[in-house]
Structures are given as C-alpha cells and as structure tokens.
N, C-alpha and C. Protein backbone atom coordinates (compact mmCIF):
# COMPACT_ATOMS: atom_id res chain seq x y z
N ALA A 1 -141.77 -82.23 -85.00
CA ALA A 1 -141.59 -83.66 -86.01
C ALA A 1 -142.07 -83.24 -87.31
N GLY A 2 -142.87 -81.97 -87.43
CA GLY A 2 -143.12 -81.84 -89.00
C GLY A 2 -141.90 -81.55 -89.87
N ARG A 3 -141.01 -80.76 -89.32
CA ARG A 3 -139.90 -80.27 -90.20
C ARG A 3 -138.79 -81.60 -90.48
N THR A 4 -138.95 -82.36 -89.26
CA THR A 4 -138.27 -83.79 -89.48
C THR A 4 -138.66 -84.65 -90.60
N GLY A 5 -140.23 -84.74 -90.56
CA GLY A 5 -141.01 -85.30 -91.18
C GLY A 5 -140.71 -85.14 -92.78
N VAL A 6 -140.79 -83.91 -92.89
CA VAL A 6 -140.27 -83.27 -94.34
C VAL A 6 -139.10 -83.77 -94.49
N PHE A 7 -137.84 -83.68 -93.93
CA PHE A 7 -136.54 -84.08 -94.15
C PHE A 7 -136.48 -85.55 -94.56
N LEU A 8 -137.24 -86.49 -93.43
CA LEU A 8 -137.18 -87.95 -93.84
C LEU A 8 -138.01 -87.98 -95.41
N THR A 9 -139.20 -87.55 -95.52
CA THR A 9 -139.77 -87.88 -96.62
C THR A 9 -139.00 -87.69 -98.01
N LEU A 10 -138.48 -86.35 -98.04
CA LEU A 10 -137.43 -86.15 -99.15
C LEU A 10 -135.97 -86.87 -99.37
N SER A 11 -135.59 -87.51 -97.95
CA SER A 11 -134.48 -88.42 -98.12
C SER A 11 -134.91 -89.69 -98.75
N ILE A 12 -136.14 -90.21 -98.18
CA ILE A 12 -136.65 -91.61 -98.70
C ILE A 12 -137.04 -91.28 -100.28
N VAL A 13 -137.57 -90.44 -100.50
CA VAL A 13 -138.04 -90.01 -101.81
C VAL A 13 -136.52 -89.91 -102.65
N LEU A 14 -135.68 -89.28 -102.49
CA LEU A 14 -134.40 -89.31 -103.26
C LEU A 14 -133.92 -90.56 -103.48
N GLU A 15 -133.86 -91.43 -102.41
CA GLU A 15 -133.16 -92.53 -102.39
C GLU A 15 -134.08 -93.60 -103.29
N ARG A 16 -135.35 -93.07 -103.54
CA ARG A 16 -136.28 -94.24 -104.24
C ARG A 16 -136.21 -93.77 -105.78
N ILE A 17 -135.83 -92.30 -105.79
CA ILE A 17 -135.54 -92.25 -107.37
C ILE A 17 -134.23 -92.67 -107.77
N ARG A 18 -133.12 -92.84 -106.79
CA ARG A 18 -131.98 -93.21 -107.32
C ARG A 18 -131.96 -94.62 -107.48
N TYR A 19 -132.73 -95.48 -106.99
CA TYR A 19 -132.59 -96.92 -107.20
C TYR A 19 -133.73 -97.46 -107.85
N GLU A 20 -134.94 -96.86 -107.89
CA GLU A 20 -136.24 -97.31 -108.59
C GLU A 20 -136.56 -96.59 -109.39
N GLY A 21 -136.32 -95.00 -109.42
CA GLY A 21 -136.91 -94.29 -110.39
C GLY A 21 -138.17 -93.75 -110.07
N VAL A 22 -138.62 -93.93 -108.94
CA VAL A 22 -140.16 -93.88 -108.43
C VAL A 22 -140.14 -92.45 -107.50
N VAL A 23 -141.10 -91.62 -107.79
CA VAL A 23 -141.46 -90.55 -106.82
C VAL A 23 -142.92 -90.47 -106.42
N ASP A 24 -142.93 -91.02 -105.00
CA ASP A 24 -144.38 -91.29 -104.57
C ASP A 24 -144.40 -90.70 -103.16
N ILE A 25 -144.57 -89.39 -103.12
CA ILE A 25 -144.55 -88.61 -101.83
C ILE A 25 -145.61 -89.20 -101.14
N PHE A 26 -146.97 -89.31 -101.41
CA PHE A 26 -148.16 -89.76 -100.86
C PHE A 26 -147.66 -91.02 -99.93
N GLN A 27 -147.39 -92.04 -100.64
CA GLN A 27 -147.12 -93.31 -100.08
C GLN A 27 -145.92 -93.45 -98.99
N THR A 28 -144.99 -92.20 -99.05
CA THR A 28 -143.79 -92.33 -98.51
C THR A 28 -144.47 -91.69 -97.01
N VAL A 29 -145.04 -90.50 -97.16
CA VAL A 29 -145.60 -89.93 -95.93
C VAL A 29 -146.48 -90.65 -95.11
N LYS A 30 -147.39 -91.64 -96.11
CA LYS A 30 -148.35 -92.79 -95.35
C LYS A 30 -147.63 -93.68 -94.57
N LEU A 31 -146.32 -94.14 -95.16
CA LEU A 31 -145.64 -95.18 -94.56
C LEU A 31 -145.08 -94.50 -93.20
N LEU A 32 -144.40 -93.34 -93.14
CA LEU A 32 -144.01 -92.67 -92.48
C LEU A 32 -145.02 -92.53 -90.95
N ARG A 33 -146.00 -92.05 -91.52
CA ARG A 33 -147.19 -91.79 -90.40
C ARG A 33 -147.49 -93.27 -89.77
N THR A 34 -147.36 -94.24 -90.42
CA THR A 34 -147.59 -95.55 -89.46
C THR A 34 -146.54 -95.78 -88.52
N GLN A 35 -145.57 -95.24 -88.48
CA GLN A 35 -144.49 -95.39 -87.16
C GLN A 35 -144.70 -94.16 -86.51
N ARG A 36 -144.80 -92.83 -87.02
CA ARG A 36 -144.79 -91.71 -86.46
C ARG A 36 -146.16 -90.77 -86.73
N PRO A 37 -147.19 -90.72 -86.19
CA PRO A 37 -148.29 -90.07 -86.90
C PRO A 37 -148.11 -88.59 -87.06
N ALA A 38 -147.19 -87.85 -86.41
CA ALA A 38 -147.25 -86.34 -86.65
C ALA A 38 -146.16 -85.84 -87.62
N LEU A 39 -145.43 -86.84 -88.45
CA LEU A 39 -144.59 -86.58 -89.12
C LEU A 39 -145.66 -85.73 -90.27
N VAL A 40 -144.92 -84.77 -91.12
CA VAL A 40 -145.48 -83.78 -92.02
C VAL A 40 -146.95 -83.13 -91.47
N GLN A 41 -146.85 -82.63 -90.67
CA GLN A 41 -148.15 -81.78 -89.93
C GLN A 41 -149.07 -80.93 -90.83
N THR A 42 -148.49 -80.04 -91.67
CA THR A 42 -149.18 -78.97 -92.23
C THR A 42 -149.34 -79.24 -93.70
N GLU A 43 -150.32 -78.42 -94.17
CA GLU A 43 -150.41 -78.66 -95.75
C GLU A 43 -149.06 -77.85 -96.23
N ASP A 44 -148.62 -76.87 -95.75
CA ASP A 44 -147.64 -76.09 -96.48
C ASP A 44 -146.35 -77.23 -96.19
N GLN A 45 -146.06 -77.93 -95.28
CA GLN A 45 -145.13 -78.84 -95.25
C GLN A 45 -145.09 -79.91 -96.32
N TYR A 46 -146.50 -80.33 -96.44
CA TYR A 46 -146.82 -81.53 -97.55
C TYR A 46 -146.31 -80.66 -99.17
N GLN A 47 -146.99 -79.55 -99.04
CA GLN A 47 -146.67 -78.84 -100.34
C GLN A 47 -145.17 -78.58 -100.77
N PHE A 48 -144.50 -78.32 -99.58
CA PHE A 48 -143.17 -78.11 -99.74
C PHE A 48 -142.39 -79.60 -100.36
N CYS A 49 -142.76 -80.76 -99.68
CA CYS A 49 -142.30 -81.85 -100.19
C CYS A 49 -142.56 -82.34 -101.51
N TYR A 50 -143.62 -81.61 -102.24
CA TYR A 50 -143.81 -81.87 -103.63
C TYR A 50 -142.88 -81.20 -104.51
N ARG A 51 -142.87 -79.84 -104.06
CA ARG A 51 -142.20 -78.64 -104.69
C ARG A 51 -140.52 -78.88 -104.46
N SER A 52 -140.22 -79.68 -103.61
CA SER A 52 -138.74 -80.02 -103.55
C SER A 52 -138.20 -81.16 -104.07
N ALA A 53 -139.26 -81.91 -104.47
CA ALA A 53 -138.72 -83.72 -104.83
C ALA A 53 -138.34 -83.36 -106.30
N PRO A 54 -137.23 -83.96 -106.77
CA PRO A 54 -137.05 -83.64 -108.21
C PRO A 54 -137.68 -84.75 -108.94
N LEU A 55 -138.11 -84.54 -110.16
CA LEU A 55 -138.50 -85.55 -111.07
C LEU A 55 -137.74 -86.49 -111.41
N PRO A 56 -137.84 -88.04 -111.78
CA PRO A 56 -136.97 -88.56 -111.98
C PRO A 56 -136.33 -88.46 -113.35
N GLN A 57 -135.22 -88.75 -113.73
CA GLN A 57 -134.42 -88.47 -115.35
C GLN A 57 -134.68 -89.83 -115.94
N LYS A 58 -134.91 -89.99 -117.04
CA LYS A 58 -135.34 -91.07 -117.94
C LYS A 58 -133.83 -91.41 -118.35
N ARG A 59 -133.44 -92.54 -118.28
CA ARG A 59 -132.08 -93.10 -118.85
C ARG A 59 -132.15 -93.54 -120.20
C-alpha cells in the first residue's frame, strides 16, 4: 500500500495544482489515510512525495 499511496498522493497533488494552484501533501496524505490507514508507510515515501511534487507556477 505504501507505493500505491505515493502514487495516489502525487496524482491528487498534481490535480490540485492544476485546478487550485495548491500543494498540500500533508493534508492529502491525511485524507487518504482516513480511507486506507497504511498509505504512505515510511518516512522515505513521505519525503519522496515532497521532493517529487512540483511547485505551482504563478500565472
């Protein structure tokens, strides 16, 4: 579930950047964990999410 959680987190974050201009990995993982507690299992996976998510571009 950990690698799947990373994929889901980044997918959701990319959509939020696209439509809202928001990067909030903490809240995204928190929301996903209400549905499946084991998503994003390790600190390394969590850090990977932060390193991989692009910063939103100003328009």
